[in-house]
């Protein structure tokens, strides 16, 4: 009796005969959907390559712009100022000591000069007088030479006026002491690096919204269909800058994240149709030179999500990363339409929307 060879159906269309199995996902595909599957994998590989390139570009900026360098520079300047003050104090004390010696010697020299003048004028001097004046000069010379015995000492018993600083890597010590793997430690370092943010604040508001927490948080309180536009406080012309936002609340509408030129006209509450505006409504509807491009209806950003807006001025591009889904979108900026300096711009999409800047 002949056996019947039953073929598994394609995982995508469920009707075409599956002719091949993917060694990765172990799913069966027909020829058409297998080719589509391979294209999806190729797209994912390209996305990973782009993320790798972006990380390579931003790594040097992260290290160069580390806030501890600013702290070290401040310590250096303050220490130099303390040294200058201490040195000037000792200079003043030395001048006072030398001036006192000089004044005493000048008084003695003036007295001797008067005696010599008078004795010569009246021819009234003998060997005794000459011997006396000779001895006085020896004494004065010794007094002058005694000033060279002045010295400077360092009082090591007193507390240093300039505390020394050093670098301590607490995370590295912690991981080494707990015998965690080098890979785990490196992943932790990447997390620390990626958590760095700027000193951005919410600044000018077009429309109705209220700020709180020293302008780090903002909430839409409009009751109409036009919603507020909020500019950032900083201006960006060079380097790479990271602004980390947390979505405390979002309605059914999308939130716009992007930039505009600080020299451009203001965005209205009704639209972001300004030539210098670039960014995204959520992550899917891109705005280029003020014009929104067509997109799907998928909405990624939800309440509680974190996103990071990256301004790479040197390479003239911006990125928006959605941390929960690991999605990263980027946009190259035409500086003719959006000249430096740039500033961030946010537009809330519904009443009660609330976001904050994480420092």
C-alpha atoms as a PDB file:
ATOM      1  CA  UNK A   1       0.000   0.000   0.000  1.00  0.00           C
ATOM      2  CA  UNK A   2       1.519   3.321  -1.033  1.00  0.00           C
ATOM      3  CA  UNK A   3       2.061   5.929   1.704  1.00  0.00           C
ATOM      4  CA  UNK A   4       0.687   9.423   1.293  1.00  0.00           C
ATOM      5  CA  UNK A   5       3.249  12.223   1.743  1.00  0.00           C
ATOM      6  CA  UNK A   6       1.375  15.010   3.591  1.00  0.00           C
ATOM      7  CA  UNK A   7       2.999  18.453   3.293  1.00  0.00           C
ATOM      8  CA  UNK A   8       2.646  21.013   6.059  1.00  0.00           C
ATOM      9  CA  UNK A   9       0.872  24.250   5.055  1.00  0.00           C
ATOM     10  CA  UNK A  10       2.702  27.595   4.888  1.00  0.00           C
ATOM     11  CA  UNK A  11       2.697  29.423   8.241  1.00  0.00           C
ATOM     12  CA  UNK A  12       1.691  32.644   6.497  1.00  0.00           C
ATOM     13  CA  UNK A  13      -1.005  31.752   4.013  1.00  0.00           C
ATOM     14  CA  UNK A  14      -2.073  28.381   5.489  1.00  0.00           C
ATOM     15  CA  UNK A  15      -2.998  27.105   2.061  1.00  0.00           C
ATOM     16  CA  UNK A  16       0.040  26.992  -0.154  1.00  0.00           C
ATOM     17  CA  UNK A  17       2.139  23.893   0.171  1.00  0.00           C
ATOM     18  CA  UNK A  18       5.105  24.507   2.439  1.00  0.00           C
ATOM     19  CA  UNK A  19       8.279  23.608   0.609  1.00  0.00           C
ATOM     20  CA  UNK A  20      10.990  24.796   2.996  1.00  0.00           C
ATOM     21  CA  UNK A  21      11.651  25.253   6.708  1.00  0.00           C
ATOM     22  CA  UNK A  22      13.559  28.183   8.230  1.00  0.00           C
ATOM     23  CA  UNK A  23      16.370  26.863  10.431  1.00  0.00           C
ATOM     24  CA  UNK A  24      15.998  29.890  12.701  1.00  0.00           C
ATOM     25  CA  UNK A  25      12.301  30.048  13.571  1.00  0.00           C
ATOM     26  CA  UNK A  26      11.588  26.431  12.510  1.00  0.00           C
ATOM     27  CA  UNK A  27       8.507  27.551  10.571  1.00  0.00           C
ATOM     28  CA  UNK A  28       7.383  26.173   7.210  1.00  0.00           C
ATOM     29  CA  UNK A  29       6.876  28.595   4.296  1.00  0.00           C
ATOM     30  CA  UNK A  30       5.778  28.506   0.719  1.00  0.00           C
ATOM     31  CA  UNK A  31       8.253  29.944  -1.770  1.00  0.00           C
ATOM     32  CA  UNK A  32       6.675  33.410  -1.849  1.00  0.00           C
ATOM     33  CA  UNK A  33       6.436  33.836   1.896  1.00  0.00           C
ATOM     34  CA  UNK A  34       9.853  32.315   2.433  1.00  0.00           C
ATOM     35  CA  UNK A  35      11.324  35.050   0.232  1.00  0.00           C
ATOM     36  CA  UNK A  36       9.341  37.635   2.203  1.00  0.00           C
ATOM     37  CA  UNK A  37      10.616  36.120   5.453  1.00  0.00           C
ATOM     38  CA  UNK A  38      14.199  36.390   4.256  1.00  0.00           C
ATOM     39  CA  UNK A  39      13.607  40.024   3.279  1.00  0.00           C
ATOM     40  CA  UNK A  40      12.269  40.738   6.772  1.00  0.00           C
ATOM     41  CA  UNK A  41      15.417  39.216   8.260  1.00  0.00           C
ATOM     42  CA  UNK A  42      17.507  41.345   5.903  1.00  0.00           C
ATOM     43  CA  UNK A  43      15.642  44.456   7.073  1.00  0.00           C
ATOM     44  CA  UNK A  44      16.285  43.500  10.692  1.00  0.00           C
ATOM     45  CA  UNK A  45      19.975  43.062   9.936  1.00  0.00           C
ATOM     46  CA  UNK A  46      20.061  46.513   8.348  1.00  0.00           C
ATOM     47  CA  UNK A  47      18.344  47.979  11.394  1.00  0.00           C
ATOM     48  CA  UNK A  48      20.929  46.374  13.684  1.00  0.00           C
ATOM     49  CA  UNK A  49      23.747  47.727  11.503  1.00  0.00           C
ATOM     50  CA  UNK A  50      22.273  51.217  11.678  1.00  0.00           C
ATOM     51  CA  UNK A  51      21.993  50.997  15.465  1.00  0.00           C
ATOM     52  CA  UNK A  52      25.594  49.815  15.649  1.00  0.00           C
ATOM     53  CA  UNK A  53      26.765  52.717  13.463  1.00  0.00           C
ATOM     54  CA  UNK A  54      24.766  55.173  15.549  1.00  0.00           C
ATOM     55  CA  UNK A  55      26.277  53.823  18.750  1.00  0.00           C
ATOM     56  CA  UNK A  56      29.767  54.069  17.283  1.00  0.00           C
ATOM     57  CA  UNK A  57      29.114  57.710  16.365  1.00  0.00           C
ATOM     58  CA  UNK A  58      27.719  58.625  19.760  1.00  0.00           C
ATOM     59  CA  UNK A  59      30.225  56.720  21.918  1.00  0.00           C
ATOM     60  CA  UNK A  60      33.024  59.284  21.556  1.00  0.00           C
ATOM     61  CA  UNK A  61      30.597  62.128  22.223  1.00  0.00           C
ATOM     62  CA  UNK A  62      29.357  60.400  25.367  1.00  0.00           C
ATOM     63  CA  UNK A  63      32.905  60.046  26.711  1.00  0.00           C
ATOM     64  CA  UNK A  64      34.062  63.542  25.728  1.00  0.00           C
ATOM     65  CA  UNK A  65      30.953  65.203  27.173  1.00  0.00           C
ATOM     66  CA  UNK A  66      30.969  63.231  30.436  1.00  0.00           C
ATOM     67  CA  UNK A  67      29.868  65.590  33.260  1.00  0.00           C
ATOM     68  CA  UNK A  68      32.790  64.522  35.468  1.00  0.00           C
ATOM     69  CA  UNK A  69      35.165  66.348  33.101  1.00  0.00           C
ATOM     70  CA  UNK A  70      33.329  69.561  33.968  1.00  0.00           C
ATOM     71  CA  UNK A  71      33.643  68.701  37.658  1.00  0.00           C
ATOM     72  CA  UNK A  72      37.402  68.097  37.273  1.00  0.00           C
ATOM     73  CA  UNK A  73      37.811  71.412  35.423  1.00  0.00           C
ATOM     74  CA  UNK A  74      35.931  73.199  38.201  1.00  0.00           C
ATOM     75  CA  UNK A  75      38.125  71.562  40.846  1.00  0.00           C
ATOM     76  CA  UNK A  76      41.226  72.556  38.883  1.00  0.00           C
ATOM     77  CA  UNK A  77      40.167  76.203  38.606  1.00  0.00           C
ATOM     78  CA  UNK A  78      39.137  76.421  42.247  1.00  0.00           C
ATOM     79  CA  UNK A  79      42.425  74.826  43.308  1.00  0.00           C
ATOM     80  CA  UNK A  80      44.409  77.288  41.181  1.00  0.00           C
ATOM     81  CA  UNK A  81      42.511  80.172  42.768  1.00  0.00           C
ATOM     82  CA  UNK A  82      43.246  78.810  46.258  1.00  0.00           C
ATOM     83  CA  UNK A  83      46.949  78.454  45.375  1.00  0.00           C
ATOM     84  CA  UNK A  84      47.068  82.019  44.060  1.00  0.00           C
ATOM     85  CA  UNK A  85      45.430  83.352  47.217  1.00  0.00           C
ATOM     86  CA  UNK A  86      47.812  81.362  49.442  1.00  0.00           C
ATOM     87  CA  UNK A  87      50.856  82.475  47.408  1.00  0.00           C
ATOM     88  CA  UNK A  88      49.806  86.133  47.490  1.00  0.00           C
ATOM     89  CA  UNK A  89      49.288  85.936  51.269  1.00  0.00           C
ATOM     90  CA  UNK A  90      52.831  84.632  51.755  1.00  0.00           C
ATOM     91  CA  UNK A  91      54.183  87.295  49.353  1.00  0.00           C
ATOM     92  CA  UNK A  92      52.574  90.032  51.436  1.00  0.00           C
ATOM     93  CA  UNK A  93      54.049  88.617  54.653  1.00  0.00           C
ATOM     94  CA  UNK A  94      57.516  88.383  53.036  1.00  0.00           C
ATOM     95  CA  UNK A  95      57.317  91.967  51.721  1.00  0.00           C
ATOM     96  CA  UNK A  96      56.322  93.251  55.169  1.00  0.00           C
ATOM     97  CA  UNK A  97      59.241  91.415  56.805  1.00  0.00           C
ATOM     98  CA  UNK A  98      61.764  92.662  54.237  1.00  0.00           C
ATOM     99  CA  UNK A  99      60.382  96.204  54.374  1.00  0.00           C
ATOM    100  CA  UNK A 100      60.832  96.289  58.152  1.00  0.00           C
ATOM    101  CA  UNK A 101      64.467  95.210  57.776  1.00  0.00           C
ATOM    102  CA  UNK A 102      65.008  97.752  55.004  1.00  0.00           C
ATOM    103  CA  UNK A 103      63.541 100.599  57.057  1.00  0.00           C
ATOM    104  CA  UNK A 104      65.727  99.782  60.052  1.00  0.00           C
ATOM    105  CA  UNK A 105      68.847  99.673  57.865  1.00  0.00           C
ATOM    106  CA  UNK A 106      67.945 102.928  56.097  1.00  0.00           C
ATOM    107  CA  UNK A 107      67.579 104.697  59.459  1.00  0.00           C
ATOM    108  CA  UNK A 108      71.027 103.486  60.549  1.00  0.00           C
ATOM    109  CA  UNK A 109      72.593 104.416  57.199  1.00  0.00           C
ATOM    110  CA  UNK A 110      71.031 107.900  57.330  1.00  0.00           C
ATOM    111  CA  UNK A 111      72.423 108.467  60.824  1.00  0.00           C
ATOM    112  CA  UNK A 112      75.911 107.321  59.762  1.00  0.00           C
ATOM    113  CA  UNK A 113      75.757 109.468  56.623  1.00  0.00           C
ATOM    114  CA  UNK A 114      75.000 112.562  58.721  1.00  0.00           C
ATOM    115  CA  UNK A 115      77.880 111.796  61.114  1.00  0.00           C
ATOM    116  CA  UNK A 116      80.328 111.316  58.230  1.00  0.00           C
ATOM    117  CA  UNK A 117      79.244 114.584  56.572  1.00  0.00           C
ATOM    118  CA  UNK A 118      79.598 116.569  59.787  1.00  0.00           C
ATOM    119  CA  UNK A 119      82.975 115.071  60.704  1.00  0.00           C
ATOM    120  CA  UNK A 120      84.372 115.809  57.230  1.00  0.00           C
ATOM    121  CA  UNK A 121      83.041 119.337  57.232  1.00  0.00           C
ATOM    122  CA  UNK A 122      84.739 120.220  60.509  1.00  0.00           C
ATOM    123  CA  UNK A 123      87.691 117.857  60.084  1.00  0.00           C
ATOM    124  CA  UNK A 124      86.704 116.320  63.361  1.00  0.00           C
ATOM    125  CA  UNK A 125      87.468 112.606  63.295  1.00  0.00           C
ATOM    126  CA  UNK A 126      90.140 110.219  64.521  1.00  0.00           C
ATOM    127  CA  UNK A 127      91.049 106.545  64.272  1.00  0.00           C
ATOM    128  CA  UNK A 128      88.494 105.848  66.960  1.00  0.00           C
ATOM    129  CA  UNK A 129      85.674 107.310  64.848  1.00  0.00           C
ATOM    130  CA  UNK A 130      86.761 105.407  61.749  1.00  0.00           C
ATOM    131  CA  UNK A 131      86.910 102.182  63.742  1.00  0.00           C
ATOM    132  CA  UNK A 132      83.401 102.870  65.113  1.00  0.00           C
ATOM    133  CA  UNK A 133      81.929 103.492  61.675  1.00  0.00           C
ATOM    134  CA  UNK A 134      83.650 100.420  60.265  1.00  0.00           C
ATOM    135  CA  UNK A 135      82.103  98.295  62.992  1.00  0.00           C
ATOM    136  CA  UNK A 136      78.686  99.824  62.361  1.00  0.00           C
ATOM    137  CA  UNK A 137      78.931  98.900  58.655  1.00  0.00           C
ATOM    138  CA  UNK A 138      79.815  95.309  59.585  1.00  0.00           C
ATOM    139  CA  UNK A 139      76.789  95.178  61.852  1.00  0.00           C
ATOM    140  CA  UNK A 140      74.495  96.596  59.171  1.00  0.00           C
ATOM    141  CA  UNK A 141      75.851  94.148  56.601  1.00  0.00           C
ATOM    142  CA  UNK A 142      75.111  91.250  58.926  1.00  0.00           C
ATOM    143  CA  UNK A 143      71.586  92.557  59.417  1.00  0.00           C
ATOM    144  CA  UNK A 144      71.143  92.695  55.636  1.00  0.00           C
ATOM    145  CA  UNK A 145      72.541  89.196  55.172  1.00  0.00           C
ATOM    146  CA  UNK A 146      70.241  87.884  57.886  1.00  0.00           C
ATOM    147  CA  UNK A 147      67.282  88.469  55.544  1.00  0.00           C
ATOM    148  CA  UNK A 148      68.606  85.632  53.392  1.00  0.00           C
ATOM    149  CA  UNK A 149      67.939  83.221  56.247  1.00  0.00           C
ATOM    150  CA  UNK A 150      64.205  83.625  55.734  1.00  0.00           C
ATOM    151  CA  UNK A 151      62.689  80.381  54.460  1.00  0.00           C
ATOM    152  CA  UNK A 152      59.336  78.876  53.537  1.00  0.00           C
ATOM    153  CA  UNK A 153      58.071  75.770  55.253  1.00  0.00           C
ATOM    154  CA  UNK A 154      55.144  73.483  54.435  1.00  0.00           C
ATOM    155  CA  UNK A 155      53.032  72.718  57.457  1.00  0.00           C
ATOM    156  CA  UNK A 156      52.091  69.098  56.805  1.00  0.00           C
ATOM    157  CA  UNK A 157      50.279  68.827  60.122  1.00  0.00           C
ATOM    158  CA  UNK A 158      47.493  71.125  58.936  1.00  0.00           C
ATOM    159  CA  UNK A 159      44.632  69.970  56.749  1.00  0.00           C
ATOM    160  CA  UNK A 160      45.193  70.559  53.043  1.00  0.00           C
ATOM    161  CA  UNK A 161      43.423  73.638  51.714  1.00  0.00           C
ATOM    162  CA  UNK A 162      43.169  71.804  48.389  1.00  0.00           C
ATOM    163  CA  UNK A 163      41.602  68.352  48.768  1.00  0.00           C
ATOM    164  CA  UNK A 164      42.943  65.943  46.187  1.00  0.00           C
ATOM    165  CA  UNK A 165      40.508  64.131  43.887  1.00  0.00           C
ATOM    166  CA  UNK A 166      40.621  60.668  42.345  1.00  0.00           C
ATOM    167  CA  UNK A 167      38.427  58.432  40.198  1.00  0.00           C
ATOM    168  CA  UNK A 168      36.506  55.542  41.767  1.00  0.00           C
ATOM    169  CA  UNK A 169      34.501  53.177  39.571  1.00  0.00           C
ATOM    170  CA  UNK A 170      31.965  51.887  42.079  1.00  0.00           C
ATOM    171  CA  UNK A 171      30.020  49.899  39.503  1.00  0.00           C
ATOM    172  CA  UNK A 172      33.119  48.075  38.311  1.00  0.00           C
ATOM    173  CA  UNK A 173      34.204  47.301  41.870  1.00  0.00           C
ATOM    174  CA  UNK A 174      30.711  46.094  42.706  1.00  0.00           C
ATOM    175  CA  UNK A 175      30.555  43.743  39.735  1.00  0.00           C
ATOM    176  CA  UNK A 176      34.051  42.419  40.299  1.00  0.00           C
ATOM    177  CA  UNK A 177      33.360  41.768  43.973  1.00  0.00           C
ATOM    178  CA  UNK A 178      30.210  39.808  43.088  1.00  0.00           C
ATOM    179  CA  UNK A 179      32.122  37.744  40.464  1.00  0.00           C
ATOM    180  CA  UNK A 180      29.737  38.648  37.642  1.00  0.00           C
ATOM    181  CA  UNK A 181      30.824  38.000  34.075  1.00  0.00           C
ATOM    182  CA  UNK A 182      32.648  40.591  31.979  1.00  0.00           C
ATOM    183  CA  UNK A 183      29.711  40.561  29.522  1.00  0.00           C
ATOM    184  CA  UNK A 184      27.285  41.478  32.312  1.00  0.00           C
ATOM    185  CA  UNK A 185      29.605  44.256  33.438  1.00  0.00           C
ATOM    186  CA  UNK A 186      29.933  45.611  29.885  1.00  0.00           C
ATOM    187  CA  UNK A 187      26.150  45.572  29.471  1.00  0.00           C
ATOM    188  CA  UNK A 188      25.849  47.532  32.691  1.00  0.00           C
ATOM    189  CA  UNK A 189      28.375  50.103  31.462  1.00  0.00           C
ATOM    190  CA  UNK A 190      26.380  50.521  28.245  1.00  0.00           C
ATOM    191  CA  UNK A 191      23.247  51.101  30.319  1.00  0.00           C
ATOM    192  CA  UNK A 192      25.036  53.776  32.363  1.00  0.00           C
ATOM    193  CA  UNK A 193      26.338  55.461  29.222  1.00  0.00           C
ATOM    194  CA  UNK A 194      22.934  55.392  27.530  1.00  0.00           C
ATOM    195  CA  UNK A 195      21.239  56.915  30.590  1.00  0.00           C
ATOM    196  CA  UNK A 196      23.080  60.243  30.271  1.00  0.00           C
ATOM    197  CA  UNK A 197      20.759  63.156  29.482  1.00  0.00           C
ATOM    198  CA  UNK A 198      21.021  66.902  28.940  1.00  0.00           C
ATOM    199  CA  UNK A 199      20.044  69.839  31.143  1.00  0.00           C
ATOM    200  CA  UNK A 200      17.057  70.652  28.909  1.00  0.00           C
ATOM    201  CA  UNK A 201      13.928  72.337  30.291  1.00  0.00           C
ATOM    202  CA  UNK A 202      10.506  73.165  28.877  1.00  0.00           C
ATOM    203  CA  UNK A 203      10.510  76.843  27.975  1.00  0.00           C
ATOM    204  CA  UNK A 204       8.125  78.842  25.764  1.00  0.00           C
ATOM    205  CA  UNK A 205       4.567  77.504  25.470  1.00  0.00           C
ATOM    206  CA  UNK A 206       2.211  78.276  22.579  1.00  0.00           C
ATOM    207  CA  UNK A 207      -1.253  77.355  23.848  1.00  0.00           C
ATOM    208  CA  UNK A 208      -2.526  76.103  27.181  1.00  0.00           C
ATOM    209  CA  UNK A 209      -0.277  73.894  29.281  1.00  0.00           C
ATOM    210  CA  UNK A 210       1.165  74.047  32.769  1.00  0.00           C
ATOM    211  CA  UNK A 211       4.701  73.216  33.840  1.00  0.00           C
ATOM    212  CA  UNK A 212       5.896  71.780  37.159  1.00  0.00           C
ATOM    213  CA  UNK A 213       8.983  70.354  38.859  1.00  0.00           C
ATOM    214  CA  UNK A 214      11.144  73.320  37.836  1.00  0.00           C
ATOM    215  CA  UNK A 215       9.872  73.121  34.218  1.00  0.00           C
ATOM    216  CA  UNK A 216      10.869  69.467  33.839  1.00  0.00           C
ATOM    217  CA  UNK A 217       7.238  68.329  33.537  1.00  0.00           C
ATOM    218  CA  UNK A 218       4.366  69.698  31.461  1.00  0.00           C
ATOM    219  CA  UNK A 219       0.662  68.870  31.187  1.00  0.00           C
ATOM    220  CA  UNK A 220      -1.855  69.867  28.529  1.00  0.00           C
ATOM    221  CA  UNK A 221      -4.926  71.555  30.041  1.00  0.00           C
ATOM    222  CA  UNK A 222      -6.673  72.884  26.956  1.00  0.00           C
ATOM    223  CA  UNK A 223     -10.384  72.301  26.431  1.00  0.00           C
ATOM    224  CA  UNK A 224     -10.358  72.881  22.678  1.00  0.00           C
ATOM    225  CA  UNK A 225      -9.216  70.978  19.608  1.00  0.00           C
ATOM    226  CA  UNK A 226      -6.019  73.026  19.275  1.00  0.00           C
ATOM    227  CA  UNK A 227      -3.259  71.739  21.522  1.00  0.00           C
ATOM    228  CA  UNK A 228      -0.105  73.344  22.899  1.00  0.00           C
ATOM    229  CA  UNK A 229       3.351  73.565  21.357  1.00  0.00           C
ATOM    230  CA  UNK A 230       6.277  73.616  23.800  1.00  0.00           C
ATOM    231  CA  UNK A 231       9.829  74.709  22.976  1.00  0.00           C
ATOM    232  CA  UNK A 232      12.958  73.558  24.797  1.00  0.00           C
ATOM    233  CA  UNK A 233      15.174  76.016  26.653  1.00  0.00           C
ATOM    234  CA  UNK A 234      18.522  75.028  25.102  1.00  0.00           C
ATOM    235  CA  UNK A 235      20.067  75.908  21.756  1.00  0.00           C
ATOM    236  CA  UNK A 236      22.142  73.323  19.884  1.00  0.00           C
ATOM    237  CA  UNK A 237      24.733  74.010  17.179  1.00  0.00           C
ATOM    238  CA  UNK A 238      27.422  71.339  17.643  1.00  0.00           C
ATOM    239  CA  UNK A 239      28.014  67.990  19.296  1.00  0.00           C
ATOM    240  CA  UNK A 240      25.507  65.266  20.147  1.00  0.00           C
ATOM    241  CA  UNK A 241      22.794  65.835  22.743  1.00  0.00           C
ATOM    242  CA  UNK A 242      20.304  63.419  24.328  1.00  0.00           C
ATOM    243  CA  UNK A 243      16.935  64.427  25.799  1.00  0.00           C
ATOM    244  CA  UNK A 244      15.198  61.610  27.652  1.00  0.00           C
ATOM    245  CA  UNK A 245      11.410  61.956  27.985  1.00  0.00           C
ATOM    246  CA  UNK A 246       8.951  59.907  30.018  1.00  0.00           C
ATOM    247  CA  UNK A 247       5.289  59.785  28.992  1.00  0.00           C
ATOM    248  CA  UNK A 248       3.347  60.155  32.242  1.00  0.00           C
ATOM    249  CA  UNK A 249       0.023  60.160  30.393  1.00  0.00           C
ATOM    250  CA  UNK A 250      -1.118  60.062  26.785  1.00  0.00           C
ATOM    251  CA  UNK A 251      -4.600  59.908  25.270  1.00  0.00           C
ATOM    252  CA  UNK A 252      -5.677  58.481  21.957  1.00  0.00           C
ATOM    253  CA  UNK A 253      -3.810  61.124  19.958  1.00  0.00           C
ATOM    254  CA  UNK A 254      -0.117  61.169  19.143  1.00  0.00           C
ATOM    255  CA  UNK A 255       2.615  63.408  20.580  1.00  0.00           C
ATOM    256  CA  UNK A 256       5.032  65.227  18.280  1.00  0.00           C
ATOM    257  CA  UNK A 257       8.781  65.114  19.063  1.00  0.00           C
ATOM    258  CA  UNK A 258      11.222  67.094  16.962  1.00  0.00           C
ATOM    259  CA  UNK A 259      13.262  70.221  16.372  1.00  0.00           C
ATOM    260  CA  UNK A 260      13.031  73.591  14.705  1.00  0.00           C
ATOM    261  CA  UNK A 261      15.430  76.434  14.064  1.00  0.00           C
ATOM    262  CA  UNK A 262      15.545  79.005  16.857  1.00  0.00           C
ATOM    263  CA  UNK A 263      15.479  81.733  14.193  1.00  0.00           C
ATOM    264  CA  UNK A 264      12.276  80.505  12.514  1.00  0.00           C
ATOM    265  CA  UNK A 265       8.775  81.800  13.049  1.00  0.00           C
ATOM    266  CA  UNK A 266       6.678  80.332  15.827  1.00  0.00           C
ATOM    267  CA  UNK A 267       4.575  77.202  15.325  1.00  0.00           C
ATOM    268  CA  UNK A 268       0.848  77.701  15.771  1.00  0.00           C
ATOM    269  CA  UNK A 269      -1.446  75.567  17.901  1.00  0.00           C
ATOM    270  CA  UNK A 270      -3.226  74.345  14.800  1.00  0.00           C
ATOM    271  CA  UNK A 271      -0.316  72.800  12.916  1.00  0.00           C
ATOM    272  CA  UNK A 272       3.442  72.276  12.783  1.00  0.00           C
ATOM    273  CA  UNK A 273       3.531  73.287   9.119  1.00  0.00           C
ATOM    274  CA  UNK A 274       6.631  75.471   9.460  1.00  0.00           C
ATOM    275  CA  UNK A 275       9.498  74.916   7.029  1.00  0.00           C
ATOM    276  CA  UNK A 276      12.156  74.415   9.706  1.00  0.00           C
ATOM    277  CA  UNK A 277      10.187  71.787  11.670  1.00  0.00           C
ATOM    278  CA  UNK A 278      11.419  68.182  11.544  1.00  0.00           C
ATOM    279  CA  UNK A 279      10.426  65.232  13.692  1.00  0.00           C
ATOM    280  CA  UNK A 280       7.780  62.584  14.296  1.00  0.00           C
ATOM    281  CA  UNK A 281       4.202  62.183  15.400  1.00  0.00           C
ATOM    282  CA  UNK A 282       4.717  59.083  17.523  1.00  0.00           C
ATOM    283  CA  UNK A 283       7.329  57.077  15.573  1.00  0.00           C
ATOM    284  CA  UNK A 284       5.473  56.448  12.332  1.00  0.00           C
ATOM    285  CA  UNK A 285       4.390  59.792  10.889  1.00  0.00           C
ATOM    286  CA  UNK A 286       7.517  61.723   9.982  1.00  0.00           C
ATOM    287  CA  UNK A 287       7.519  65.501   9.451  1.00  0.00           C
ATOM    288  CA  UNK A 288      10.158  66.805   7.031  1.00  0.00           C
ATOM    289  CA  UNK A 289      10.581  70.549   6.503  1.00  0.00           C
ATOM    290  CA  UNK A 290       7.154  71.120   8.052  1.00  0.00           C
ATOM    291  CA  UNK A 291       5.325  68.606   5.848  1.00  0.00           C
ATOM    292  CA  UNK A 292       3.891  65.437   7.379  1.00  0.00           C
ATOM    293  CA  UNK A 293       4.488  62.271   5.355  1.00  0.00           C
ATOM    294  CA  UNK A 294       1.938  59.482   4.919  1.00  0.00           C
ATOM    295  CA  UNK A 295       2.077  56.676   7.459  1.00  0.00           C
ATOM    296  CA  UNK A 296       0.181  53.760   8.897  1.00  0.00           C
ATOM    297  CA  UNK A 297      -2.239  53.947  11.793  1.00  0.00           C
ATOM    298  CA  UNK A 298      -0.031  52.030  14.238  1.00  0.00           C
ATOM    299  CA  UNK A 299       0.585  53.870  17.512  1.00  0.00           C
ATOM    300  CA  UNK A 300       3.681  52.895  19.504  1.00  0.00           C
ATOM    301  CA  UNK A 301       3.950  55.370  22.381  1.00  0.00           C
ATOM    302  CA  UNK A 302       1.817  54.628  25.458  1.00  0.00           C
ATOM    303  CA  UNK A 303       1.529  55.892  29.027  1.00  0.00           C
ATOM    304  CA  UNK A 304       4.658  55.046  31.009  1.00  0.00           C
ATOM    305  CA  UNK A 305       6.947  54.765  27.987  1.00  0.00           C
ATOM    306  CA  UNK A 306      10.379  56.378  27.686  1.00  0.00           C
ATOM    307  CA  UNK A 307      11.724  57.938  24.494  1.00  0.00           C
ATOM    308  CA  UNK A 308      15.062  59.601  23.779  1.00  0.00           C
ATOM    309  CA  UNK A 309      15.417  62.408  21.252  1.00  0.00           C
ATOM    310  CA  UNK A 310      19.012  62.642  19.968  1.00  0.00           C
ATOM    311  CA  UNK A 311      20.306  65.801  18.283  1.00  0.00           C
ATOM    312  CA  UNK A 312      23.473  64.975  16.330  1.00  0.00           C
ATOM    313  CA  UNK A 313      24.450  68.443  15.147  1.00  0.00           C
ATOM    314  CA  UNK A 314      27.816  67.452  13.666  1.00  0.00           C
ATOM    315  CA  UNK A 315      26.197  64.881  11.370  1.00  0.00           C
ATOM    316  CA  UNK A 316      23.068  67.013  10.885  1.00  0.00           C
ATOM    317  CA  UNK A 317      20.577  64.382  11.925  1.00  0.00           C
ATOM    318  CA  UNK A 318      18.120  63.582  14.691  1.00  0.00           C
ATOM    319  CA  UNK A 319      16.931  60.241  16.081  1.00  0.00           C
ATOM    320  CA  UNK A 320      14.009  59.160  18.211  1.00  0.00           C
ATOM    321  CA  UNK A 321      14.305  55.933  20.196  1.00  0.00           C
ATOM    322  CA  UNK A 322      11.356  54.151  21.776  1.00  0.00           C
ATOM    323  CA  UNK A 323      12.857  52.145  24.621  1.00  0.00           C
ATOM    324  CA  UNK A 324      10.050  49.654  25.223  1.00  0.00           C
ATOM    325  CA  UNK A 325       9.942  48.409  21.634  1.00  0.00           C
ATOM    326  CA  UNK A 326      13.616  49.185  20.876  1.00  0.00           C
ATOM    327  CA  UNK A 327      12.508  51.070  17.765  1.00  0.00           C
ATOM    328  CA  UNK A 328      14.870  53.747  16.460  1.00  0.00           C
ATOM    329  CA  UNK A 329      14.032  56.197  13.694  1.00  0.00           C
ATOM    330  CA  UNK A 330      16.343  58.829  12.288  1.00  0.00           C
ATOM    331  CA  UNK A 331      16.051  61.841  10.063  1.00  0.00           C
ATOM    332  CA  UNK A 332      18.719  63.852   8.234  1.00  0.00           C
ATOM    333  CA  UNK A 333      18.184  67.598   8.493  1.00  0.00           C
ATOM    334  CA  UNK A 334      18.473  70.092   5.649  1.00  0.00           C
ATOM    335  CA  UNK A 335      20.209  73.000   7.402  1.00  0.00           C
ATOM    336  CA  UNK A 336      19.159  75.342   4.613  1.00  0.00           C
ATOM    337  CA  UNK A 337      15.577  74.899   5.794  1.00  0.00           C
ATOM    338  CA  UNK A 338      16.453  74.358   9.458  1.00  0.00           C
ATOM    339  CA  UNK A 339      19.631  76.379  10.199  1.00  0.00           C
ATOM    340  CA  UNK A 340      21.512  76.233  13.483  1.00  0.00           C
ATOM    341  CA  UNK A 341      21.011  76.721  16.338  1.00  0.00           C
ATOM    342  CA  UNK A 342      18.303  74.111  16.806  1.00  0.00           C
ATOM    343  CA  UNK A 343      15.807  73.881  19.644  1.00  0.00           C
ATOM    344  CA  UNK A 344      13.491  71.046  20.621  1.00  0.00           C
ATOM    345  CA  UNK A 345       9.763  71.275  20.002  1.00  0.00           C
ATOM    346  CA  UNK A 346       6.987  69.133  21.505  1.00  0.00           C
ATOM    347  CA  UNK A 347       3.289  69.205  20.596  1.00  0.00           C
ATOM    348  CA  UNK A 348       0.797  67.443  22.836  1.00  0.00           C
ATOM    349  CA  UNK A 349      -2.193  65.822  21.168  1.00  0.00           C
ATOM    350  CA  UNK A 350      -4.996  65.582  23.739  1.00  0.00           C
ATOM    351  CA  UNK A 351      -6.199  67.051  27.012  1.00  0.00           C
ATOM    352  CA  UNK A 352      -4.372  65.660  30.024  1.00  0.00           C
ATOM    353  CA  UNK A 353      -1.306  64.544  28.060  1.00  0.00           C
ATOM    354  CA  UNK A 354       1.692  64.835  30.367  1.00  0.00           C
ATOM    355  CA  UNK A 355       5.391  64.253  29.787  1.00  0.00           C
ATOM    356  CA  UNK A 356       8.555  64.963  31.724  1.00  0.00           C
ATOM    357  CA  UNK A 357      12.271  65.345  31.013  1.00  0.00           C
ATOM    358  CA  UNK A 358      14.414  62.852  32.907  1.00  0.00           C
ATOM    359  CA  UNK A 359      17.723  64.250  34.178  1.00  0.00           C
END
